[in-house]
Amino acid sequence: MQQETPAITPEPSVEPAASVPPVEPVVQSESVSPADVPTPSPLPELAAPEPSTPPLVPVTSSSPAPAASLAGTESGVRGLLSRARERIQFRKRAKLEKIAARARAEGSITNDGVQKLLRVSDATATRYLSELVRAGRLKRVGAASHARYEPVS
């Protein structure tokens, strides 16, 4: 049996770097006096720009207070939170109505159908369907793993 020897490639030869002549400092033969250097001209005084917006109108007691000023008070924070909660509940009710409408239109809906309809996760779709079942708007038909949800007549 004959043994193969690996091919040896020659290393490229490295040539010494060409010698670079040293850089000599530049020496000025003439001396420059301070009088020969030009002095910058002074900048002209600029006038302050005129305001382009009308002055602010003070807030009176009859006008509603802005939300930022209410944030520091206890009742203001509660008000902001309650308004935010109302908006969230409104959007949730709209989604639940959309699910119920689709179930009425098609005869039934599945968890997968809710996920695609609302672009939500499996867990969120399950929560929405469970809430509609608790509210009596849908009824579950079939095993839990392959359940369909039909509208209640």
N, C-alpha and C. Protein backbone atom coordinates (compact mmCIF):
# COMPACT_ATOMS: atom_id res chain seq x y z
N MET A 1 0.83 -1.17 0.00
CA MET A 1 0.00 0.00 0.00
C MET A 1 0.88 1.24 0.00
N GLN A 2 0.55 2.15 -0.86
CA GLN A 2 1.38 3.34 -0.99
C GLN A 2 0.74 4.49 -0.25
N GLN A 3 1.51 5.19 0.50
CA GLN A 3 1.01 6.30 1.32
C GLN A 3 1.17 7.60 0.56
N GLU A 4 0.09 8.40 0.58
CA GLU A 4 0.14 9.68 -0.12
C GLU A 4 0.78 10.73 0.78
N THR A 5 1.62 11.51 0.20
CA THR A 5 2.24 12.60 0.96
C THR A 5 1.52 13.89 0.61
N PRO A 6 1.24 14.68 1.60
CA PRO A 6 0.55 15.95 1.30
C PRO A 6 1.44 16.87 0.49
N ALA A 7 0.82 17.59 -0.40
CA ALA A 7 1.57 18.53 -1.24
C ALA A 7 1.99 19.72 -0.39
N ILE A 8 3.21 20.06 -0.50
CA ILE A 8 3.75 21.20 0.26
C ILE A 8 3.83 22.38 -0.68
N THR A 9 3.21 23.45 -0.29
CA THR A 9 3.26 24.66 -1.11
C THR A 9 4.34 25.56 -0.54
N PRO A 10 5.13 26.12 -1.38
CA PRO A 10 6.20 27.00 -0.88
C PRO A 10 5.61 28.29 -0.34
N GLU A 11 6.17 28.77 0.73
CA GLU A 11 5.73 30.04 1.31
C GLU A 11 6.22 31.18 0.43
N PRO A 12 5.39 32.20 0.27
CA PRO A 12 5.85 33.33 -0.55
C PRO A 12 7.02 34.02 0.13
N SER A 13 7.95 34.42 -0.66
CA SER A 13 9.12 35.07 -0.08
C SER A 13 8.76 36.50 0.31
N VAL A 14 9.27 36.91 1.41
CA VAL A 14 9.01 38.24 1.91
C VAL A 14 10.26 39.07 1.66
N GLU A 15 10.08 40.13 0.90
CA GLU A 15 11.22 41.00 0.61
C GLU A 15 11.29 42.09 1.65
N PRO A 16 12.49 42.51 2.01
CA PRO A 16 12.60 43.59 2.99
C PRO A 16 12.01 44.87 2.40
N ALA A 17 11.41 45.64 3.26
CA ALA A 17 10.80 46.89 2.83
C ALA A 17 11.86 47.84 2.32
N ALA A 18 11.50 48.57 1.29
CA ALA A 18 12.45 49.54 0.72
C ALA A 18 12.71 50.61 1.77
N SER A 19 13.90 51.06 1.82
CA SER A 19 14.23 52.07 2.82
C SER A 19 13.60 53.40 2.43
N VAL A 20 12.98 54.01 3.40
CA VAL A 20 12.32 55.29 3.20
C VAL A 20 13.22 56.36 3.79
N PRO A 21 13.50 57.38 3.02
CA PRO A 21 14.38 58.43 3.58
C PRO A 21 13.65 59.15 4.70
N PRO A 22 14.35 59.56 5.74
CA PRO A 22 13.71 60.25 6.85
C PRO A 22 13.15 61.60 6.41
N VAL A 23 12.05 62.00 7.03
CA VAL A 23 11.41 63.27 6.71
C VAL A 23 12.12 64.36 7.48
N GLU A 24 12.51 65.37 6.76
CA GLU A 24 13.21 66.48 7.41
C GLU A 24 12.20 67.57 7.75
N PRO A 25 12.32 68.19 8.91
CA PRO A 25 11.39 69.26 9.28
C PRO A 25 11.56 70.47 8.36
N VAL A 26 10.44 71.12 8.10
CA VAL A 26 10.46 72.31 7.25
C VAL A 26 10.78 73.51 8.14
N VAL A 27 11.76 74.27 7.73
CA VAL A 27 12.18 75.44 8.50
C VAL A 27 11.91 76.66 7.64
N GLN A 28 11.16 77.63 8.26
CA GLN A 28 10.89 78.85 7.52
C GLN A 28 12.09 79.78 7.66
N SER A 29 12.44 80.33 6.55
CA SER A 29 13.58 81.23 6.57
C SER A 29 13.18 82.63 6.97
N GLU A 30 11.91 82.97 6.73
CA GLU A 30 11.47 84.31 7.07
C GLU A 30 10.67 84.25 8.37
N SER A 31 10.79 85.25 9.17
CA SER A 31 10.01 85.31 10.39
C SER A 31 8.74 86.13 10.11
N VAL A 32 7.66 85.72 10.70
CA VAL A 32 6.38 86.37 10.51
C VAL A 32 6.11 87.23 11.74
N SER A 33 5.80 88.46 11.52
CA SER A 33 5.51 89.34 12.64
C SER A 33 4.00 89.35 12.89
N PRO A 34 3.56 89.65 14.09
CA PRO A 34 2.13 89.69 14.38
C PRO A 34 1.38 90.69 13.51
N ALA A 35 2.03 91.71 13.02
CA ALA A 35 1.38 92.71 12.18
C ALA A 35 1.01 92.13 10.83
N ASP A 36 1.74 91.09 10.39
CA ASP A 36 1.46 90.48 9.09
C ASP A 36 0.25 89.54 9.11
N VAL A 37 -0.17 89.08 10.29
CA VAL A 37 -1.28 88.14 10.40
C VAL A 37 -2.58 88.95 10.37
N PRO A 38 -3.51 88.61 9.46
CA PRO A 38 -4.77 89.37 9.40
C PRO A 38 -5.63 89.08 10.63
N THR A 39 -6.28 90.10 11.13
CA THR A 39 -7.16 89.94 12.29
C THR A 39 -8.60 89.79 11.79
N PRO A 40 -9.35 88.92 12.41
CA PRO A 40 -10.73 88.76 11.95
C PRO A 40 -11.56 89.99 12.30
N SER A 41 -12.50 90.29 11.42
CA SER A 41 -13.35 91.46 11.67
C SER A 41 -14.41 91.08 12.70
N PRO A 42 -14.80 92.01 13.54
CA PRO A 42 -15.80 91.69 14.56
C PRO A 42 -17.16 91.41 13.92
N LEU A 43 -17.91 90.50 14.54
CA LEU A 43 -19.23 90.15 14.04
C LEU A 43 -20.21 91.26 14.37
N PRO A 44 -21.14 91.55 13.47
CA PRO A 44 -22.13 92.58 13.78
C PRO A 44 -23.11 92.05 14.83
N GLU A 45 -23.66 92.94 15.62
CA GLU A 45 -24.63 92.57 16.64
C GLU A 45 -25.92 92.14 15.96
N LEU A 46 -26.42 90.98 16.36
CA LEU A 46 -27.65 90.47 15.79
C LEU A 46 -28.82 90.83 16.69
N ALA A 47 -29.91 91.23 16.07
CA ALA A 47 -31.11 91.56 16.84
C ALA A 47 -31.82 90.26 17.20
N ALA A 48 -32.48 90.25 18.34
CA ALA A 48 -33.22 89.06 18.76
C ALA A 48 -34.38 88.84 17.81
N PRO A 49 -34.62 87.58 17.42
CA PRO A 49 -35.71 87.32 16.49
C PRO A 49 -37.06 87.57 17.15
N GLU A 50 -38.00 88.02 16.35
CA GLU A 50 -39.34 88.28 16.85
C GLU A 50 -40.06 86.95 17.03
N PRO A 51 -40.81 86.78 18.10
CA PRO A 51 -41.54 85.52 18.27
C PRO A 51 -42.61 85.38 17.20
N SER A 52 -42.68 84.17 16.60
CA SER A 52 -43.64 83.95 15.53
C SER A 52 -44.95 83.39 16.07
N THR A 53 -44.98 82.96 17.33
CA THR A 53 -46.21 82.42 17.89
C THR A 53 -46.85 83.45 18.80
N PRO A 54 -48.17 83.43 18.88
CA PRO A 54 -48.83 84.40 19.76
C PRO A 54 -48.54 84.05 21.22
N PRO A 55 -48.65 85.00 22.10
CA PRO A 55 -48.38 84.72 23.51
C PRO A 55 -49.42 83.74 24.06
N LEU A 56 -49.02 82.99 25.07
CA LEU A 56 -49.90 82.01 25.69
C LEU A 56 -51.01 82.69 26.47
N VAL A 57 -52.20 82.11 26.40
CA VAL A 57 -53.35 82.64 27.11
C VAL A 57 -53.40 81.93 28.46
N PRO A 58 -53.52 82.68 29.56
CA PRO A 58 -53.56 82.01 30.86
C PRO A 58 -54.81 81.16 31.00
N VAL A 59 -54.67 80.05 31.74
CA VAL A 59 -55.78 79.13 31.95
C VAL A 59 -56.67 79.70 33.05
N THR A 60 -57.96 79.78 32.74
CA THR A 60 -58.90 80.28 33.73
C THR A 60 -59.56 79.10 34.43
N SER A 61 -60.28 79.36 35.48
CA SER A 61 -60.89 78.28 36.24
C SER A 61 -62.03 77.62 35.48
N SER A 62 -62.61 78.27 34.47
CA SER A 62 -63.72 77.69 33.73
C SER A 62 -63.24 76.72 32.66
N SER A 63 -61.98 76.82 32.22
CA SER A 63 -61.49 75.91 31.18
C SER A 63 -61.00 74.62 31.83
N PRO A 64 -61.10 73.48 31.11
CA PRO A 64 -60.65 72.22 31.70
C PRO A 64 -59.14 72.22 31.88
N ALA A 65 -58.68 71.58 32.94
CA ALA A 65 -57.25 71.52 33.22
C ALA A 65 -56.61 70.48 32.32
N PRO A 66 -55.39 70.73 31.83
CA PRO A 66 -54.72 69.74 31.00
C PRO A 66 -54.38 68.49 31.82
N ALA A 67 -54.24 67.35 31.14
CA ALA A 67 -53.99 66.07 31.81
C ALA A 67 -52.65 66.08 32.55
N ALA A 68 -51.65 66.80 32.02
CA ALA A 68 -50.34 66.81 32.66
C ALA A 68 -50.41 67.45 34.05
N SER A 69 -51.25 68.48 34.20
CA SER A 69 -51.34 69.13 35.50
C SER A 69 -52.12 68.27 36.49
N LEU A 70 -52.97 67.37 36.00
CA LEU A 70 -53.73 66.49 36.88
C LEU A 70 -52.92 65.30 37.37
N ALA A 71 -51.83 64.99 36.68
CA ALA A 71 -51.06 63.80 37.00
C ALA A 71 -50.50 63.84 38.42
N GLY A 72 -50.26 65.00 38.96
CA GLY A 72 -49.68 65.10 40.29
C GLY A 72 -50.68 64.90 41.41
N THR A 73 -51.95 65.03 41.14
CA THR A 73 -52.95 64.90 42.18
C THR A 73 -53.48 63.48 42.23
N GLU A 74 -53.96 63.10 43.38
CA GLU A 74 -54.50 61.75 43.57
C GLU A 74 -55.72 61.51 42.69
N SER A 75 -56.65 62.46 42.67
CA SER A 75 -57.87 62.28 41.87
C SER A 75 -57.55 62.34 40.38
N GLY A 76 -56.54 63.10 39.98
CA GLY A 76 -56.15 63.19 38.58
C GLY A 76 -55.62 61.86 38.06
N VAL A 77 -54.81 61.19 38.86
CA VAL A 77 -54.26 59.90 38.47
C VAL A 77 -55.38 58.88 38.36
N ARG A 78 -56.28 58.91 39.33
CA ARG A 78 -57.41 57.97 39.28
C ARG A 78 -58.28 58.23 38.06
N GLY A 79 -58.46 59.49 37.73
CA GLY A 79 -59.25 59.83 36.55
C GLY A 79 -58.60 59.33 35.27
N LEU A 80 -57.28 59.51 35.19
CA LEU A 80 -56.57 59.02 34.01
C LEU A 80 -56.67 57.50 33.91
N LEU A 81 -56.50 56.83 35.04
CA LEU A 81 -56.58 55.37 35.04
C LEU A 81 -57.97 54.88 34.67
N SER A 82 -58.99 55.54 35.18
CA SER A 82 -60.36 55.09 34.87
C SER A 82 -60.68 55.32 33.39
N ARG A 83 -60.20 56.43 32.82
CA ARG A 83 -60.43 56.67 31.40
C ARG A 83 -59.69 55.64 30.55
N ALA A 84 -58.47 55.30 30.96
CA ALA A 84 -57.70 54.29 30.22
C ALA A 84 -58.40 52.93 30.31
N ARG A 85 -58.91 52.58 31.49
CA ARG A 85 -59.62 51.32 31.67
C ARG A 85 -60.88 51.28 30.79
N GLU A 86 -61.59 52.40 30.71
CA GLU A 86 -62.78 52.46 29.86
C GLU A 86 -62.44 52.24 28.39
N ARG A 87 -61.34 52.83 27.93
CA ARG A 87 -60.93 52.65 26.53
C ARG A 87 -60.56 51.21 26.25
N ILE A 88 -59.86 50.58 27.18
CA ILE A 88 -59.48 49.18 27.00
C ILE A 88 -60.72 48.30 26.95
N GLN A 89 -61.66 48.53 27.85
CA GLN A 89 -62.90 47.74 27.87
C GLN A 89 -63.71 47.95 26.59
N PHE A 90 -63.71 49.17 26.06
CA PHE A 90 -64.43 49.45 24.82
C PHE A 90 -63.84 48.63 23.68
N ARG A 91 -62.51 48.61 23.56
CA ARG A 91 -61.86 47.85 22.50
C ARG A 91 -62.12 46.35 22.67
N LYS A 92 -62.11 45.88 23.92
CA LYS A 92 -62.36 44.46 24.18
C LYS A 92 -63.79 44.10 23.80
N ARG A 93 -64.77 44.94 24.15
CA ARG A 93 -66.16 44.67 23.78
C ARG A 93 -66.32 44.62 22.27
N ALA A 94 -65.61 45.49 21.55
CA ALA A 94 -65.66 45.49 20.08
C ALA A 94 -65.12 44.18 19.52
N LYS A 95 -64.04 43.67 20.10
CA LYS A 95 -63.47 42.40 19.65
C LYS A 95 -64.42 41.25 19.94
N LEU A 96 -65.05 41.25 21.13
CA LEU A 96 -65.99 40.19 21.47
C LEU A 96 -67.20 40.22 20.53
N GLU A 97 -67.66 41.40 20.17
CA GLU A 97 -68.77 41.53 19.24
C GLU A 97 -68.39 41.02 17.85
N LYS A 98 -67.16 41.26 17.46
CA LYS A 98 -66.67 40.79 16.17
C LYS A 98 -66.66 39.26 16.12
N ILE A 99 -66.25 38.63 17.23
CA ILE A 99 -66.24 37.17 17.32
C ILE A 99 -67.67 36.64 17.22
N ALA A 100 -68.60 37.23 17.98
CA ALA A 100 -69.98 36.78 17.98
C ALA A 100 -70.62 36.97 16.60
N ALA A 101 -70.31 38.06 15.93
CA ALA A 101 -70.85 38.31 14.60
C ALA A 101 -70.35 37.27 13.60
N ARG A 102 -69.07 36.91 13.67
CA ARG A 102 -68.52 35.90 12.77
C ARG A 102 -69.15 34.54 13.05
N ALA A 103 -69.37 34.23 14.35
CA ALA A 103 -70.00 32.95 14.69
C ALA A 103 -71.43 32.90 14.15
N ARG A 104 -72.17 34.01 14.22
CA ARG A 104 -73.53 34.06 13.68
C ARG A 104 -73.51 33.93 12.16
N ALA A 105 -72.56 34.58 11.50
CA ALA A 105 -72.50 34.57 10.04
C ALA A 105 -72.12 33.20 9.49
N GLU A 106 -71.19 32.51 10.14
CA GLU A 106 -70.70 31.24 9.62
C GLU A 106 -71.33 30.03 10.31
N GLY A 107 -72.08 30.25 11.37
CA GLY A 107 -72.70 29.15 12.10
C GLY A 107 -71.89 28.68 13.28
N SER A 108 -70.57 28.83 13.22
CA SER A 108 -69.71 28.49 14.35
C SER A 108 -68.34 29.11 14.12
N ILE A 109 -67.53 29.09 15.16
CA ILE A 109 -66.17 29.61 15.07
C ILE A 109 -65.29 28.77 15.97
N THR A 110 -64.04 28.64 15.61
CA THR A 110 -63.07 27.88 16.41
C THR A 110 -62.05 28.83 17.01
N ASN A 111 -61.25 28.28 17.91
CA ASN A 111 -60.17 29.07 18.51
C ASN A 111 -59.23 29.57 17.42
N ASP A 112 -58.91 28.71 16.47
CA ASP A 112 -58.02 29.09 15.38
C ASP A 112 -58.64 30.22 14.55
N GLY A 113 -59.95 30.14 14.34
CA GLY A 113 -60.62 31.21 13.60
C GLY A 113 -60.55 32.54 14.31
N VAL A 114 -60.66 32.53 15.64
CA VAL A 114 -60.54 33.77 16.42
C VAL A 114 -59.12 34.31 16.33
N GLN A 115 -58.13 33.41 16.40
CA GLN A 115 -56.74 33.85 16.29
C GLN A 115 -56.49 34.57 14.97
N LYS A 116 -57.00 34.01 13.90
CA LYS A 116 -56.81 34.63 12.58
C LYS A 116 -57.64 35.90 12.41
N LEU A 117 -58.84 35.90 12.96
CA LEU A 117 -59.73 37.05 12.84
C LEU A 117 -59.16 38.28 13.54
N LEU A 118 -58.69 38.09 14.77
CA LEU A 118 -58.22 39.22 15.58
C LEU A 118 -56.71 39.36 15.65
N ARG A 119 -56.00 38.38 15.08
CA ARG A 119 -54.53 38.36 15.14
C ARG A 119 -54.05 38.40 16.59
N VAL A 120 -54.53 37.42 17.36
CA VAL A 120 -54.16 37.30 18.76
C VAL A 120 -53.58 35.92 19.01
N SER A 121 -53.03 35.72 20.18
CA SER A 121 -52.44 34.43 20.53
C SER A 121 -53.52 33.41 20.86
N ASP A 122 -53.10 32.15 20.99
CA ASP A 122 -54.00 31.07 21.34
C ASP A 122 -54.65 31.32 22.70
N ALA A 123 -53.86 31.76 23.66
CA ALA A 123 -54.38 32.00 25.01
C ALA A 123 -55.41 33.13 25.01
N THR A 124 -55.15 34.18 24.27
CA THR A 124 -56.08 35.31 24.22
C THR A 124 -57.38 34.89 23.54
N ALA A 125 -57.28 34.12 22.47
CA ALA A 125 -58.48 33.64 21.79
C ALA A 125 -59.30 32.77 22.74
N THR A 126 -58.64 31.92 23.52
CA THR A 126 -59.33 31.07 24.49
C THR A 126 -60.04 31.92 25.53
N ARG A 127 -59.39 32.96 26.03
CA ARG A 127 -60.01 33.84 27.03
C ARG A 127 -61.24 34.54 26.45
N TYR A 128 -61.13 35.04 25.22
CA TYR A 128 -62.27 35.71 24.60
C TYR A 128 -63.44 34.74 24.43
N LEU A 129 -63.17 33.53 23.95
CA LEU A 129 -64.24 32.56 23.75
C LEU A 129 -64.86 32.15 25.08
N SER A 130 -64.03 31.97 26.11
CA SER A 130 -64.55 31.60 27.43
C SER A 130 -65.45 32.70 27.97
N GLU A 131 -65.07 33.94 27.76
CA GLU A 131 -65.89 35.06 28.24
C GLU A 131 -67.24 35.10 27.53
N LEU A 132 -67.24 34.82 26.22
CA LEU A 132 -68.50 34.79 25.49
C LEU A 132 -69.38 33.61 25.93
N VAL A 133 -68.77 32.48 26.29
CA VAL A 133 -69.52 31.34 26.80
C VAL A 133 -70.11 31.69 28.16
N ARG A 134 -69.32 32.31 29.05
CA ARG A 134 -69.82 32.72 30.38
C ARG A 134 -70.96 33.72 30.26
N ALA A 135 -70.87 34.61 29.26
CA ALA A 135 -71.91 35.62 29.07
C ALA A 135 -73.16 35.04 28.42
N GLY A 136 -73.08 33.79 27.94
CA GLY A 136 -74.24 33.15 27.34
C GLY A 136 -74.46 33.50 25.89
N ARG A 137 -73.47 34.06 25.22
CA ARG A 137 -73.61 34.44 23.81
C ARG A 137 -73.17 33.32 22.88
N LEU A 138 -72.27 32.43 23.36
CA LEU A 138 -71.81 31.28 22.57
C LEU A 138 -71.93 30.03 23.43
N LYS A 139 -72.00 28.87 22.77
CA LYS A 139 -71.94 27.60 23.51
C LYS A 139 -70.88 26.73 22.85
N ARG A 140 -70.15 25.99 23.68
CA ARG A 140 -69.09 25.13 23.17
C ARG A 140 -69.69 23.81 22.75
N VAL A 141 -69.28 23.35 21.56
CA VAL A 141 -69.74 22.08 21.03
C VAL A 141 -68.50 21.24 20.72
N GLY A 142 -68.46 20.02 21.26
CA GLY A 142 -67.35 19.12 20.98
C GLY A 142 -66.36 19.10 22.12
N ALA A 143 -65.34 18.24 21.94
CA ALA A 143 -64.30 18.08 22.97
C ALA A 143 -63.48 19.36 23.08
N ALA A 144 -62.82 19.48 24.20
CA ALA A 144 -62.05 20.71 24.46
C ALA A 144 -60.95 20.90 23.43
N SER A 145 -60.36 19.81 22.95
CA SER A 145 -59.25 19.94 22.00
C SER A 145 -59.70 20.33 20.60
N HIS A 146 -60.97 19.96 20.23
CA HIS A 146 -61.49 20.28 18.89
C HIS A 146 -62.81 21.01 18.99
N ALA A 147 -62.90 21.93 19.91
CA ALA A 147 -64.19 22.58 20.17
C ALA A 147 -64.53 23.60 19.09
N ARG A 148 -65.82 23.68 18.84
CA ARG A 148 -66.39 24.74 18.01
C ARG A 148 -67.30 25.54 18.91
N TYR A 149 -67.47 26.78 18.59
CA TYR A 149 -68.33 27.64 19.39
C TYR A 149 -69.45 28.13 18.50
N GLU A 150 -70.70 27.84 18.90
CA GLU A 150 -71.86 28.23 18.11
C GLU A 150 -72.64 29.30 18.85
N PRO A 151 -73.31 30.16 18.11
CA PRO A 151 -74.10 31.20 18.78
C PRO A 151 -75.32 30.57 19.47
N VAL A 152 -75.69 31.16 20.58
CA VAL A 152 -76.87 30.70 21.32
C VAL A 152 -78.10 31.30 20.67
N SER A 153 -79.10 30.45 20.38
CA SER A 153 -80.31 30.92 19.70
C SER A 153 -81.23 31.63 20.64
